[in-house]
C-alpha atoms as a PDB file:
ATOM      1  CA  MET A   1     119.601  82.502  81.087  1.00  0.00           C
ATOM      2  CA  LEU A   2     117.806  82.810  84.395  1.00  0.00           C
ATOM      3  CA  THR A   3     114.463  84.564  84.551  1.00  0.00           C
ATOM      4  CA  ALA A   4     114.108  87.533  86.898  1.00  0.00           C
ATOM      5  CA  ARG A   5     112.203  85.335  89.322  1.00  0.00           C
ATOM      6  CA  GLU A   6     114.641  82.493  89.143  1.00  0.00           C
ATOM      7  CA  ARG A   7     117.564  84.896  89.833  1.00  0.00           C
ATOM      8  CA  VAL A   8     115.722  86.200  92.998  1.00  0.00           C
ATOM      9  CA  GLU A   9     114.883  82.674  94.175  1.00  0.00           C
ATOM     10  CA  LYS A  10     118.462  81.474  93.757  1.00  0.00           C
ATOM     11  CA  VAL A  11     120.147  84.437  95.504  1.00  0.00           C
ATOM     12  CA  LEU A  12     117.477  84.561  98.291  1.00  0.00           C
ATOM     13  CA  ARG A  13     118.632  81.081  99.289  1.00  0.00           C
ATOM     14  CA  GLY A  14     122.182  82.294  99.643  1.00  0.00           C
ATOM     15  CA  GLY A  15     123.412  81.577  96.093  1.00  0.00           C
ATOM     16  CA  ARG A  16     124.873  83.767  93.404  1.00  0.00           C
ATOM     17  CA  ALA A  17     123.602  84.435  89.857  1.00  0.00           C
ATOM     18  CA  ASP A  18     124.982  86.056  86.712  1.00  0.00           C
ATOM     19  CA  ARG A  19     124.288  89.420  88.321  1.00  0.00           C
ATOM     20  CA  VAL A  20     122.692  90.893  91.420  1.00  0.00           C
ATOM     21  CA  PRO A  21     118.900  90.737  91.296  1.00  0.00           C
ATOM     22  CA  PHE A  22     117.052  94.083  91.233  1.00  0.00           C
ATOM     23  CA  THR A  23     113.519  94.144  92.491  1.00  0.00           C
ATOM     24  CA  ILE A  24     110.761  96.655  93.133  1.00  0.00           C
ATOM     25  CA  TYR A  25     107.389  96.432  95.016  1.00  0.00           C
ATOM     26  CA  GLU A  26     104.390  96.197  92.779  1.00  0.00           C
ATOM     27  CA  SER A  27     103.048  99.447  94.080  1.00  0.00           C
ATOM     28  CA  LYS A  28     106.152 101.500  93.492  1.00  0.00           C
ATOM     29  CA  ILE A  29     106.293 101.382  89.694  1.00  0.00           C
ATOM     30  CA  PRO A  30     103.496 102.049  87.184  1.00  0.00           C
ATOM     31  CA  GLN A  31     102.908  99.769  84.160  1.00  0.00           C
ATOM     32  CA  CYS A  32     104.372 101.692  81.227  1.00  0.00           C
ATOM     33  CA  ALA A  33     107.021 101.581  78.535  1.00  0.00           C
ATOM     34  CA  ALA A  34     109.894 102.320  80.983  1.00  0.00           C
ATOM     35  CA  GLU A  35     108.664  99.561  83.318  1.00  0.00           C
ATOM     36  CA  ARG A  36     108.471  97.143  80.340  1.00  0.00           C
ATOM     37  CA  GLU A  37     112.030  98.041  79.264  1.00  0.00           C
ATOM     38  CA  MET A  38     113.442  97.459  82.708  1.00  0.00           C
ATOM     39  CA  ARG A  39     111.528  94.142  83.119  1.00  0.00           C
ATOM     40  CA  ASN A  40     113.055  93.109  79.829  1.00  0.00           C
ATOM     41  CA  ARG A  41     116.488  93.870  81.331  1.00  0.00           C
ATOM     42  CA  GLY A  42     115.761  91.696  84.332  1.00  0.00           C
ATOM     43  CA  LEU A  43     113.881  93.902  86.869  1.00  0.00           C
ATOM     44  CA  CYS A  44     111.764  91.655  89.042  1.00  0.00           C
ATOM     45  CA  ILE A  45     108.446  92.889  90.449  1.00  0.00           C
ATOM     46  CA  VAL A  46     107.709  91.821  94.054  1.00  0.00           C
ATOM     47  CA  ASP A  47     103.952  91.158  94.189  1.00  0.00           C
ATOM     48  CA  ARG A  48     103.010  91.169  97.802  1.00  0.00           C
ATOM     49  CA  ARG A  49      99.721  89.387  98.513  1.00  0.00           C
ATOM     50  CA  SER A  50      98.040  87.508 101.360  1.00  0.00           C
ATOM     51  CA  VAL A  51      97.489  83.758 101.491  1.00  0.00           C
ATOM     52  CA  PHE A  52      94.792  83.979 104.183  1.00  0.00           C
ATOM     53  CA  LYS A  53      91.619  85.889 104.972  1.00  0.00           C
ATOM     54  CA  THR A  54      90.719  87.459 108.300  1.00  0.00           C
ATOM     55  CA  HIS A  55      87.183  87.641 109.756  1.00  0.00           C
ATOM     56  CA  THR A  56      85.813  89.054 112.947  1.00  0.00           C
ATOM     57  CA  PRO A  57      82.422  87.288 113.123  1.00  0.00           C
ATOM     58  CA  ASN A  58      81.272  89.097 116.310  1.00  0.00           C
ATOM     59  CA  VAL A  59      82.267  92.582 115.325  1.00  0.00           C
ATOM     60  CA  LYS A  60      80.251  94.748 113.019  1.00  0.00           C
ATOM     61  CA  VAL A  61      82.512  96.813 110.693  1.00  0.00           C
ATOM     62  CA  SER A  62      81.291  99.730 108.685  1.00  0.00           C
ATOM     63  CA  SER A  63      83.070 102.539 106.692  1.00  0.00           C
ATOM     64  CA  HIS A  64      82.045 105.865 105.213  1.00  0.00           C
ATOM     65  CA  ASP A  65      83.716 108.923 103.729  1.00  0.00           C
ATOM     66  CA  VAL A  66      84.247 112.063 105.803  1.00  0.00           C
ATOM     67  CA  LEU A  67      85.626 115.503 104.980  1.00  0.00           C
ATOM     68  CA  ARG A  68      88.260 117.044 107.150  1.00  0.00           C
ATOM     69  CA  ASP A  69      89.967 120.402 106.201  1.00  0.00           C
ATOM     70  CA  GLY A  70      88.639 119.873 102.707  1.00  0.00           C
ATOM     71  CA  LYS A  71      90.177 116.456 102.393  1.00  0.00           C
ATOM     72  CA  ARG A  72      88.275 113.228 101.788  1.00  0.00           C
ATOM     73  CA  MET A  73      89.041 110.563 104.430  1.00  0.00           C
ATOM     74  CA  THR A  74      87.601 107.207 105.522  1.00  0.00           C
ATOM     75  CA  ARG A  75      86.057 106.664 108.925  1.00  0.00           C
ATOM     76  CA  THR A  76      85.845 102.961 109.878  1.00  0.00           C
ATOM     77  CA  VAL A  77      83.726 101.874 112.892  1.00  0.00           C
ATOM     78  CA  TYR A  78      84.162  98.605 114.801  1.00  0.00           C
ATOM     79  CA  GLU A  79      81.153  97.739 116.999  1.00  0.00           C
ATOM     80  CA  THR A  80      82.054  95.046 119.564  1.00  0.00           C
ATOM     81  CA  PRO A  81      79.703  93.693 122.317  1.00  0.00           C
ATOM     82  CA  VAL A  82      81.861  95.547 124.863  1.00  0.00           C
ATOM     83  CA  GLY A  83      82.453  98.898 123.155  1.00  0.00           C
ATOM     84  CA  THR A  84      82.826 100.736 119.862  1.00  0.00           C
ATOM     85  CA  LEU A  85      86.155 101.658 118.236  1.00  0.00           C
ATOM     86  CA  SER A  86      86.968 103.821 115.176  1.00  0.00           C
ATOM     87  CA  THR A  87      89.710 104.935 112.902  1.00  0.00           C
ATOM     88  CA  VAL A  88      90.183 107.751 110.370  1.00  0.00           C
ATOM     89  CA  SER A  89      92.554 107.303 107.425  1.00  0.00           C
ATOM     90  CA  GLU A  90      93.449 109.268 104.319  1.00  0.00           C
ATOM     91  CA  ARG A  91      94.568 107.745 101.002  1.00  0.00           C
ATOM     92  CA  ALA A  92      97.911 109.241  99.979  1.00  0.00           C
ATOM     93  CA  GLY A  93      99.219 107.823  96.689  1.00  0.00           C
ATOM     94  CA  PHE A  94     100.565 104.279  97.318  1.00  0.00           C
ATOM     95  CA  THR A  95      99.831 104.455 100.987  1.00  0.00           C
ATOM     96  CA  SER A  96      97.474 105.828 103.689  1.00  0.00           C
ATOM     97  CA  TRP A  97      97.896 108.306 106.553  1.00  0.00           C
ATOM     98  CA  TRP A  98      96.364 107.563 109.869  1.00  0.00           C
ATOM     99  CA  HIS A  99      94.582 110.559 111.428  1.00  0.00           C
ATOM    100  CA  GLU A 100      92.974 108.547 114.164  1.00  0.00           C
ATOM    101  CA  LYS A 101      93.748 105.063 115.474  1.00  0.00           C
ATOM    102  CA  MET A 102      91.455 102.819 117.518  1.00  0.00           C
ATOM    103  CA  PHE A 103      92.776 103.615 120.965  1.00  0.00           C
ATOM    104  CA  LYS A 104      91.444 106.911 122.365  1.00  0.00           C
ATOM    105  CA  SER A 105      91.621 106.211 126.143  1.00  0.00           C
ATOM    106  CA  PRO A 106      92.086 103.302 128.583  1.00  0.00           C
ATOM    107  CA  ASP A 107      88.353 102.739 128.370  1.00  0.00           C
ATOM    108  CA  ASP A 108      89.074 101.160 124.938  1.00  0.00           C
ATOM    109  CA  TYR A 109      91.099  98.258 126.249  1.00  0.00           C
ATOM    110  CA  ARG A 110      88.102  95.882 126.682  1.00  0.00           C
ATOM    111  CA  ALA A 111      86.941  96.464 123.132  1.00  0.00           C
ATOM    112  CA  LEU A 112      90.448  96.175 121.678  1.00  0.00           C
ATOM    113  CA  LEU A 113      90.982  92.824 123.399  1.00  0.00           C
ATOM    114  CA  PHE A 114      87.615  91.555 122.234  1.00  0.00           C
ATOM    115  CA  LEU A 115      88.383  92.582 118.673  1.00  0.00           C
ATOM    116  CA  ILE A 116      91.791  90.882 118.640  1.00  0.00           C
ATOM    117  CA  LYS A 117      90.490  87.686 120.181  1.00  0.00           C
ATOM    118  CA  ASP A 118      87.611  87.625 117.753  1.00  0.00           C
ATOM    119  CA  GLU A 119      89.897  87.335 114.637  1.00  0.00           C
ATOM    120  CA  CYS A 120      89.530  84.123 112.641  1.00  0.00           C
ATOM    121  CA  TYR A 121      91.728  83.024 109.736  1.00  0.00           C
ATOM    122  CA  GLU A 122      91.222  80.800 106.745  1.00  0.00           C
ATOM    123  CA  PRO A 123      93.552  79.845 103.879  1.00  0.00           C
ATOM    124  CA  CYS A 124      93.165  81.750 100.608  1.00  0.00           C
ATOM    125  CA  TYR A 125      95.660  80.231  98.211  1.00  0.00           C
ATOM    126  CA  GLU A 126      93.976  80.367  94.826  1.00  0.00           C
ATOM    127  CA  ALA A 127      94.608  84.051  93.954  1.00  0.00           C
ATOM    128  CA  TYR A 128      98.212  83.735  95.025  1.00  0.00           C
ATOM    129  CA  ALA A 129      98.883  80.672  92.870  1.00  0.00           C
ATOM    130  CA  GLU A 130      97.093  82.257  89.909  1.00  0.00           C
ATOM    131  CA  ALA A 131      99.183  85.438  90.184  1.00  0.00           C
ATOM    132  CA  GLU A 132     102.405  83.409  90.164  1.00  0.00           C
ATOM    133  CA  ARG A 133     101.215  81.644  87.012  1.00  0.00           C
ATOM    134  CA  ALA A 134     100.197  84.866  85.341  1.00  0.00           C
ATOM    135  CA  TRP A 135     103.504  86.694  86.109  1.00  0.00           C
ATOM    136  CA  GLY A 136     105.618  83.795  84.907  1.00  0.00           C
ATOM    137  CA  GLY A 137     109.334  84.717  85.296  1.00  0.00           C
ATOM    138  CA  ASP A 138     108.735  88.418  85.505  1.00  0.00           C
ATOM    139  CA  ALA A 139     107.815  88.628  89.186  1.00  0.00           C
ATOM    140  CA  ILE A 140     108.051  86.883  92.455  1.00  0.00           C
ATOM    141  CA  CYS A 141     105.057  86.696  94.789  1.00  0.00           C
ATOM    142  CA  ARG A 142     105.637  87.256  98.517  1.00  0.00           C
ATOM    143  CA  ALA A 143     103.293  86.307 101.337  1.00  0.00           C
ATOM    144  CA  GLY A 144     103.088  87.971 104.765  1.00  0.00           C
ATOM    145  CA  ILE A 145     102.455  86.862 108.299  1.00  0.00           C
ATOM    146  CA  GLY A 146     101.609  90.310 109.656  1.00  0.00           C
ATOM    147  CA  LEU A 147     103.451  92.462 112.134  1.00  0.00           C
ATOM    148  CA  GLU A 148     105.178  90.956 115.183  1.00  0.00           C
ATOM    149  CA  PRO A 149     102.774  90.901 118.147  1.00  0.00           C
ATOM    150  CA  LEU A 150     104.285  93.869 119.956  1.00  0.00           C
ATOM    151  CA  GLN A 151     104.838  95.808 116.655  1.00  0.00           C
ATOM    152  CA  THR A 152     101.215  95.318 115.866  1.00  0.00           C
ATOM    153  CA  LEU A 153     100.410  97.562 118.814  1.00  0.00           C
ATOM    154  CA  ILE A 154     103.100 100.062 117.794  1.00  0.00           C
ATOM    155  CA  SER A 155     102.614 100.317 114.051  1.00  0.00           C
ATOM    156  CA  GLY A 156      99.300  98.816 113.403  1.00  0.00           C
ATOM    157  CA  HIS A 157      95.927 100.507 113.518  1.00  0.00           C
ATOM    158  CA  TYR A 158      95.284  99.996 117.262  1.00  0.00           C
ATOM    159  CA  LEU A 159      97.483 102.658 118.948  1.00  0.00           C
ATOM    160  CA  ALA A 160      99.503 105.635 117.827  1.00  0.00           C
ATOM    161  CA  MET A 161     103.175 105.151 118.451  1.00  0.00           C
ATOM    162  CA  GLU A 162     103.340 107.981 121.039  1.00  0.00           C
ATOM    163  CA  GLU A 163     100.219 106.609 122.751  1.00  0.00           C
ATOM    164  CA  PHE A 164     101.814 103.144 122.905  1.00  0.00           C
ATOM    165  CA  CYS A 165     104.888 104.607 124.652  1.00  0.00           C
ATOM    166  CA  VAL A 166     102.704 106.256 127.298  1.00  0.00           C
ATOM    167  CA  GLN A 167     100.599 103.181 127.790  1.00  0.00           C
ATOM    168  CA  TRP A 168     103.772 100.969 127.977  1.00  0.00           C
ATOM    169  CA  MET A 169     104.892 102.944 130.962  1.00  0.00           C
ATOM    170  CA  GLU A 170     101.549 103.540 132.664  1.00  0.00           C
ATOM    171  CA  ASN A 171      99.368 100.547 131.749  1.00  0.00           C
ATOM    172  CA  ARG A 172     101.763  97.834 130.799  1.00  0.00           C
ATOM    173  CA  ASP A 173      99.602  95.011 132.175  1.00  0.00           C
ATOM    174  CA  GLU A 174      96.802  96.106 129.770  1.00  0.00           C
ATOM    175  CA  ILE A 175      99.233  96.283 126.863  1.00  0.00           C
ATOM    176  CA  LEU A 176     100.587  92.831 127.613  1.00  0.00           C
ATOM    177  CA  LYS A 177      97.041  91.414 127.594  1.00  0.00           C
ATOM    178  CA  LEU A 178      96.661  92.685 124.047  1.00  0.00           C
ATOM    179  CA  TYR A 179     100.208  91.467 123.219  1.00  0.00           C
ATOM    180  CA  ASP A 180      99.423  87.912 124.472  1.00  0.00           C
ATOM    181  CA  ALA A 181      96.253  87.835 122.410  1.00  0.00           C
ATOM    182  CA  VAL A 182      98.057  88.804 119.245  1.00  0.00           C
ATOM    183  CA  VAL A 183     100.723  86.115 120.004  1.00  0.00           C
ATOM    184  CA  GLU A 184      98.069  83.456 120.001  1.00  0.00           C
ATOM    185  CA  ASN A 185      96.649  84.839 116.761  1.00  0.00           C
ATOM    186  CA  ARG A 186     100.028  84.708 115.007  1.00  0.00           C
ATOM    187  CA  ARG A 187     100.553  81.058 116.108  1.00  0.00           C
ATOM    188  CA  ARG A 188      97.347  80.171 114.144  1.00  0.00           C
ATOM    189  CA  ILE A 189      98.698  82.074 111.072  1.00  0.00           C
ATOM    190  CA  TYR A 190     102.139  80.438 110.922  1.00  0.00           C
ATOM    191  CA  PRO A 191     100.986  77.040 109.541  1.00  0.00           C
ATOM    192  CA  ILE A 192      98.521  78.632 107.149  1.00  0.00           C
ATOM    193  CA  VAL A 193     101.280  80.636 105.473  1.00  0.00           C
ATOM    194  CA  ALA A 194     103.881  77.870 105.694  1.00  0.00           C
ATOM    195  CA  GLU A 195     101.567  75.379 103.933  1.00  0.00           C
ATOM    196  CA  SER A 196     100.637  77.886 101.218  1.00  0.00           C
ATOM    197  CA  PRO A 197     102.130  78.121  97.716  1.00  0.00           C
ATOM    198  CA  ALA A 198     104.412  80.883  98.885  1.00  0.00           C
ATOM    199  CA  SER A 199     108.118  80.199  98.740  1.00  0.00           C
ATOM    200  CA  HIS A 200     108.819  82.897 101.299  1.00  0.00           C
ATOM    201  CA  ALA A 201     107.007  85.372 103.621  1.00  0.00           C
ATOM    202  CA  ASN A 202     107.875  88.417 105.624  1.00  0.00           C
ATOM    203  CA  TYR A 203     107.216  88.608 109.269  1.00  0.00           C
ATOM    204  CA  GLY A 204     106.667  92.218 110.467  1.00  0.00           C
ATOM    205  CA  GLY A 205     109.183  94.964 110.344  1.00  0.00           C
ATOM    206  CA  ASN A 206     109.503  98.700 110.610  1.00  0.00           C
ATOM    207  CA  VAL A 207     111.115  98.106 113.975  1.00  0.00           C
ATOM    208  CA  VAL A 208     112.321 101.394 115.532  1.00  0.00           C
ATOM    209  CA  PRO A 209     115.145 100.573 118.044  1.00  0.00           C
ATOM    210  CA  GLN A 210     114.886 104.045 119.604  1.00  0.00           C
ATOM    211  CA  VAL A 211     111.292 103.077 120.666  1.00  0.00           C
ATOM    212  CA  ILE A 212     111.597  99.493 121.852  1.00  0.00           C
ATOM    213  CA  GLY A 213     115.261  99.145 122.797  1.00  0.00           C
ATOM    214  CA  LEU A 214     117.440  96.004 122.743  1.00  0.00           C
ATOM    215  CA  LYS A 215     116.007  94.248 125.821  1.00  0.00           C
ATOM    216  CA  THR A 216     112.441  94.415 124.610  1.00  0.00           C
ATOM    217  CA  PHE A 217     113.484  93.343 121.096  1.00  0.00           C
ATOM    218  CA  GLU A 218     115.224  90.289 122.594  1.00  0.00           C
ATOM    219  CA  GLU A 219     112.269  89.409 124.757  1.00  0.00           C
ATOM    220  CA  CYS A 220     109.243  90.281 122.623  1.00  0.00           C
ATOM    221  CA  TYR A 221     110.512  89.935 119.035  1.00  0.00           C
ATOM    222  CA  VAL A 222     113.288  87.371 118.648  1.00  0.00           C
ATOM    223  CA  PRO A 223     111.273  84.409 120.171  1.00  0.00           C
ATOM    224  CA  HIS A 224     108.449  84.904 117.665  1.00  0.00           C
ATOM    225  CA  TYR A 225     110.829  85.066 114.630  1.00  0.00           C
ATOM    226  CA  ASN A 226     112.330  81.761 115.849  1.00  0.00           C
ATOM    227  CA  GLU A 227     108.974  80.128 116.550  1.00  0.00           C
ATOM    228  CA  ALA A 228     107.644  81.035 113.065  1.00  0.00           C
ATOM    229  CA  ALA A 229     110.881  79.998 111.410  1.00  0.00           C
ATOM    230  CA  GLU A 230     110.666  76.580 112.915  1.00  0.00           C
ATOM    231  CA  VAL A 231     107.235  76.059 111.326  1.00  0.00           C
ATOM    232  CA  PHE A 232     108.380  77.561 107.966  1.00  0.00           C
ATOM    233  CA  HIS A 233     111.517  75.490 107.766  1.00  0.00           C
ATOM    234  CA  LYS A 234     109.660  72.210 108.284  1.00  0.00           C
ATOM    235  CA  HIS A 235     107.826  73.063 104.979  1.00  0.00           C
ATOM    236  CA  GLY A 236     110.969  74.185 103.171  1.00  0.00           C
ATOM    237  CA  LYS A 237     109.903  77.850 103.237  1.00  0.00           C
ATOM    238  CA  LEU A 238     111.940  81.040 103.888  1.00  0.00           C
ATOM    239  CA  ILE A 239     111.160  83.707 106.365  1.00  0.00           C
ATOM    240  CA  GLY A 240     112.506  87.214 106.655  1.00  0.00           C
ATOM    241  CA  CYS A 241     111.814  90.602 108.219  1.00  0.00           C
ATOM    242  CA  HIS A 242     111.552  94.146 106.928  1.00  0.00           C
ATOM    243  CA  PHE A 243     114.323  95.911 108.871  1.00  0.00           C
ATOM    244  CA  ASP A 244     114.557  99.375 107.236  1.00  0.00           C
ATOM    245  CA  ASP A 245     115.557 101.517 110.245  1.00  0.00           C
ATOM    246  CA  ASP A 246     118.802 101.889 112.190  1.00  0.00           C
ATOM    247  CA  CYS A 247     119.903  98.338 112.987  1.00  0.00           C
ATOM    248  CA  ARG A 248     123.298  98.721 114.711  1.00  0.00           C
ATOM    249  CA  VAL A 249     121.960  98.331 118.283  1.00  0.00           C
ATOM    250  CA  LEU A 250     119.841  95.279 117.253  1.00  0.00           C
ATOM    251  CA  SER A 251     122.395  93.751 114.830  1.00  0.00           C
ATOM    252  CA  GLU A 252     123.742  90.992 117.106  1.00  0.00           C
ATOM    253  CA  ALA A 253     120.239  89.981 118.229  1.00  0.00           C
ATOM    254  CA  ILE A 254     119.089  89.937 114.586  1.00  0.00           C
ATOM    255  CA  GLY A 255     122.044  87.833 113.627  1.00  0.00           C
ATOM    256  CA  GLY A 256     121.139  85.295 116.291  1.00  0.00           C
ATOM    257  CA  THR A 257     117.582  84.728 114.945  1.00  0.00           C
ATOM    258  CA  ASP A 258     116.514  81.951 112.654  1.00  0.00           C
ATOM    259  CA  LEU A 259     115.395  84.406 109.964  1.00  0.00           C
ATOM    260  CA  ASP A 260     116.666  83.508 106.516  1.00  0.00           C
ATOM    261  CA  TYR A 261     116.796  86.967 104.984  1.00  0.00           C
ATOM    262  CA  ILE A 262     116.781  90.583 106.045  1.00  0.00           C
ATOM    263  CA  GLU A 263     114.470  92.541 103.752  1.00  0.00           C
ATOM    264  CA  ALA A 264     114.480  96.325 103.102  1.00  0.00           C
ATOM    265  CA  PHE A 265     117.774  96.787 104.922  1.00  0.00           C
ATOM    266  CA  THR A 266     118.653 100.385 103.983  1.00  0.00           C
ATOM    267  CA  PRO A 267     122.446 101.084 104.069  1.00  0.00           C
ATOM    268  CA  SER A 268     123.973 104.371 105.020  1.00  0.00           C
ATOM    269  CA  PRO A 269     123.736 107.261 104.328  1.00  0.00           C
ATOM    270  CA  ASP A 270     120.128 106.700 105.406  1.00  0.00           C
ATOM    271  CA  THR A 271     120.830 104.509 108.393  1.00  0.00           C
ATOM    272  CA  ASP A 272     123.622 103.676 110.788  1.00  0.00           C
ATOM    273  CA  MET A 273     125.170 100.675 109.029  1.00  0.00           C
ATOM    274  CA  THR A 274     126.816 100.205 105.650  1.00  0.00           C
ATOM    275  CA  LEU A 275     126.156  97.204 103.442  1.00  0.00           C
ATOM    276  CA  ALA A 276     129.606  95.846 104.283  1.00  0.00           C
ATOM    277  CA  GLU A 277     128.895  96.110 108.017  1.00  0.00           C
ATOM    278  CA  ALA A 278     125.506  94.415 107.540  1.00  0.00           C
ATOM    279  CA  ARG A 279     127.165  91.527 105.662  1.00  0.00           C
ATOM    280  CA  ALA A 280     129.775  91.223 108.509  1.00  0.00           C
ATOM    281  CA  ALA A 281     126.941  91.207 111.111  1.00  0.00           C
ATOM    282  CA  TRP A 282     124.746  88.727 109.293  1.00  0.00           C
ATOM    283  CA  PRO A 283     127.042  86.475 107.210  1.00  0.00           C
ATOM    284  CA  GLU A 284     124.571  83.624 107.018  1.00  0.00           C
ATOM    285  CA  LYS A 285     121.508  85.619 105.978  1.00  0.00           C
ATOM    286  CA  ALA A 286     120.459  86.845 102.607  1.00  0.00           C
ATOM    287  CA  LEU A 287     120.447  90.684 102.383  1.00  0.00           C
ATOM    288  CA  TRP A 288     117.591  92.115 100.355  1.00  0.00           C
ATOM    289  CA  ILE A 289     118.357  95.770 100.563  1.00  0.00           C
ATOM    290  CA  ASN A 290     116.392  98.907  99.876  1.00  0.00           C
ATOM    291  CA  TYR A 291     118.524 101.245  97.737  1.00  0.00           C
ATOM    292  CA  PRO A 292     118.859 104.339 100.008  1.00  0.00           C
ATOM    293  CA  SER A 293     116.001 106.746  99.223  1.00  0.00           C
ATOM    294  CA  SER A 294     118.163 109.879  99.561  1.00  0.00           C
ATOM    295  CA  LEU A 295     120.414 108.739  96.703  1.00  0.00           C
ATOM    296  CA  HIS A 296     117.614 108.872  94.218  1.00  0.00           C
ATOM    297  CA  LEU A 297     118.008 112.643  94.311  1.00  0.00           C
ATOM    298  CA  LYS A 298     121.615 112.447  93.131  1.00  0.00           C
ATOM    299  CA  SER A 299     122.691 112.504  89.475  1.00  0.00           C
ATOM    300  CA  ASP A 300     122.392 109.314  87.390  1.00  0.00           C
ATOM    301  CA  GLU A 301     126.158 108.947  87.483  1.00  0.00           C
ATOM    302  CA  GLU A 302     126.255 109.147  91.327  1.00  0.00           C
ATOM    303  CA  VAL A 303     123.298 106.688  91.562  1.00  0.00           C
ATOM    304  CA  GLU A 304     125.157 104.193  89.362  1.00  0.00           C
ATOM    305  CA  ARG A 305     128.444 104.687  91.167  1.00  0.00           C
ATOM    306  CA  ALA A 306     126.823 104.147  94.556  1.00  0.00           C
ATOM    307  CA  ALA A 307     125.286 100.830  93.496  1.00  0.00           C
ATOM    308  CA  PHE A 308     128.589  99.668  92.049  1.00  0.00           C
ATOM    309  CA  GLU A 309     130.579 100.722  95.163  1.00  0.00           C
ATOM    310  CA  MET A 310     128.178  99.026  97.581  1.00  0.00           C
ATOM    311  CA  MET A 311     128.619  95.758  95.767  1.00  0.00           C
ATOM    312  CA  ASP A 312     132.319  96.293  95.495  1.00  0.00           C
ATOM    313  CA  SER A 313     132.591  96.713  99.294  1.00  0.00           C
ATOM    314  CA  LEU A 314     131.523  93.000  99.668  1.00  0.00           C
ATOM    315  CA  PRO A 315     133.792  89.987  99.081  1.00  0.00           C
ATOM    316  CA  SER A 316     130.975  88.144  97.245  1.00  0.00           C
ATOM    317  CA  PRO A 317     127.564  88.831  95.751  1.00  0.00           C
ATOM    318  CA  GLU A 318     126.230  85.645  97.327  1.00  0.00           C
ATOM    319  CA  GLY A 319     122.867  86.243  98.994  1.00  0.00           C
ATOM    320  CA  VAL A 320     122.678  89.962  98.069  1.00  0.00           C
ATOM    321  CA  LEU A 321     119.691  91.475  96.326  1.00  0.00           C
ATOM    322  CA  PHE A 322     118.966  95.131  95.586  1.00  0.00           C
ATOM    323  CA  GLY A 323     115.373  96.372  95.799  1.00  0.00           C
ATOM    324  CA  ILE A 324     113.119  99.396  95.995  1.00  0.00           C
ATOM    325  CA  THR A 325     110.721  99.385  98.962  1.00  0.00           C
ATOM    326  CA  GLU A 326     109.983 103.078  99.278  1.00  0.00           C
ATOM    327  CA  ASP A 327     108.418 105.731  97.046  1.00  0.00           C
ATOM    328  CA  ILE A 328     110.734 107.368  94.573  1.00  0.00           C
ATOM    329  CA  PRO A 329     110.131 110.990  93.503  1.00  0.00           C
ATOM    330  CA  GLU A 330     107.972 110.946  90.373  1.00  0.00           C
ATOM    331  CA  HIS A 331     110.481 112.846  88.271  1.00  0.00           C
ATOM    332  CA  ARG A 332     113.355 110.460  89.207  1.00  0.00           C
ATOM    333  CA  TRP A 333     112.154 106.820  89.273  1.00  0.00           C
ATOM    334  CA  ARG A 334     112.732 106.046  85.576  1.00  0.00           C
ATOM    335  CA  ASP A 335     116.367 107.435  85.439  1.00  0.00           C
ATOM    336  CA  SER A 336     117.301 106.346  88.982  1.00  0.00           C
ATOM    337  CA  CYS A 337     116.134 102.724  88.539  1.00  0.00           C
ATOM    338  CA  ARG A 338     117.932 102.497  85.201  1.00  0.00           C
ATOM    339  CA  ALA A 339     121.102 103.871  86.850  1.00  0.00           C
ATOM    340  CA  ILE A 340     120.971 101.309  89.622  1.00  0.00           C
ATOM    341  CA  MET A 341     120.664  98.527  87.092  1.00  0.00           C
ATOM    342  CA  ASP A 342     123.589 100.062  85.162  1.00  0.00           C
ATOM    343  CA  GLY A 343     125.696 100.016  88.275  1.00  0.00           C
ATOM    344  CA  LEU A 344     124.858  96.329  89.119  1.00  0.00           C
ATOM    345  CA  ASP A 345     125.389  95.264  85.517  1.00  0.00           C
ATOM    346  CA  ARG A 346     128.747  97.124  85.393  1.00  0.00           C
ATOM    347  CA  HIS A 347     129.846  95.341  88.570  1.00  0.00           C
ATOM    348  CA  ALA A 348     129.022  91.953  87.080  1.00  0.00           C
ATOM    349  CA  LYS A 349     130.925  92.875  83.959  1.00  0.00           C
ATOM    350  CA  GLU A 350     134.025  94.295  85.680  1.00  0.00           C
ATOM    351  CA  ARG A 351     134.142  91.679  88.447  1.00  0.00           C
ATOM    352  CA  PRO A 352     133.191  88.484  86.482  1.00  0.00           C
ATOM    353  CA  GLU A 353     135.168  86.193  88.826  1.00  0.00           C
ATOM    354  CA  ARG A 354     132.607  86.870  91.587  1.00  0.00           C
ATOM    355  CA  TYR A 355     129.565  85.804  89.580  1.00  0.00           C
ATOM    356  CA  GLU A 356     128.205  82.542  88.242  1.00  0.00           C
ATOM    357  CA  ARG A 357     128.734  82.099  84.581  1.00  0.00           C
END
């Protein structure tokens, strides 16, 4: 009998197991009796943790609490030799909401460029290795490289997405200076992650095709996936990306990358591609999907049926993993996750010829 981790590792490399692996991010499920029950059934926790530390030796960073509209938020100040930047964020359950990002006006470009260029990285492998030992077969740890260079400017804490779009049109040369600096930083991170104990790592994600378009994706994203993949593959490691938005317009370009797996792919009805269409578009890549969030609000019977039918739309379960990468409504996660597992287990039982025995 495979452990939950062994099942994920096997299928992530394109194989098949006794049933489709079902995973959930460590932050999306509390430790409790229901969680223990599902782990006993084979649920695999995905423990995301870094294998490197980042320092900015020439930037003074300080944080303090502030109150806005009766809410407690955190203001972080970055003092560089060429200007001061700040952010304001609010904790919200498993995540944070940005109320202010660093960029306020074009006057901030000099400080942003200094901050990015000041970043230094060092390996931090011990905690990762210890977590894998502690989890045993109940979880798989995943490392991360960080966001893609351009996506760092879109989704990171530097610019708001709307502001990025304005600056991309009005001050592209300045944006590209930041982009080039992040590119160089990422190149220093690739070998650190590739040489770590991690078996696989995500490189970026949350790409919104309506914002960047196909041409920019091909020019500013694809080359970096391939460059990182070359480093990773030399060390026998897998690399993937968190593509959870509409992917149809990018699907051919994604298929042409050297990425090993597509993580958090969310099938319709929440995006513009079905699971069967994704498999046809990316036949050589493992598909580690996010079960569509909207379906959690359906009845348990509908949740189970949807999981079964998604798998039944495929000719083989090879290289297919189900996962939860988004918050589930508090009143639904226990029953919905059980129903997904029921659907996947039923598929393995009713279609035994497709699975390893």
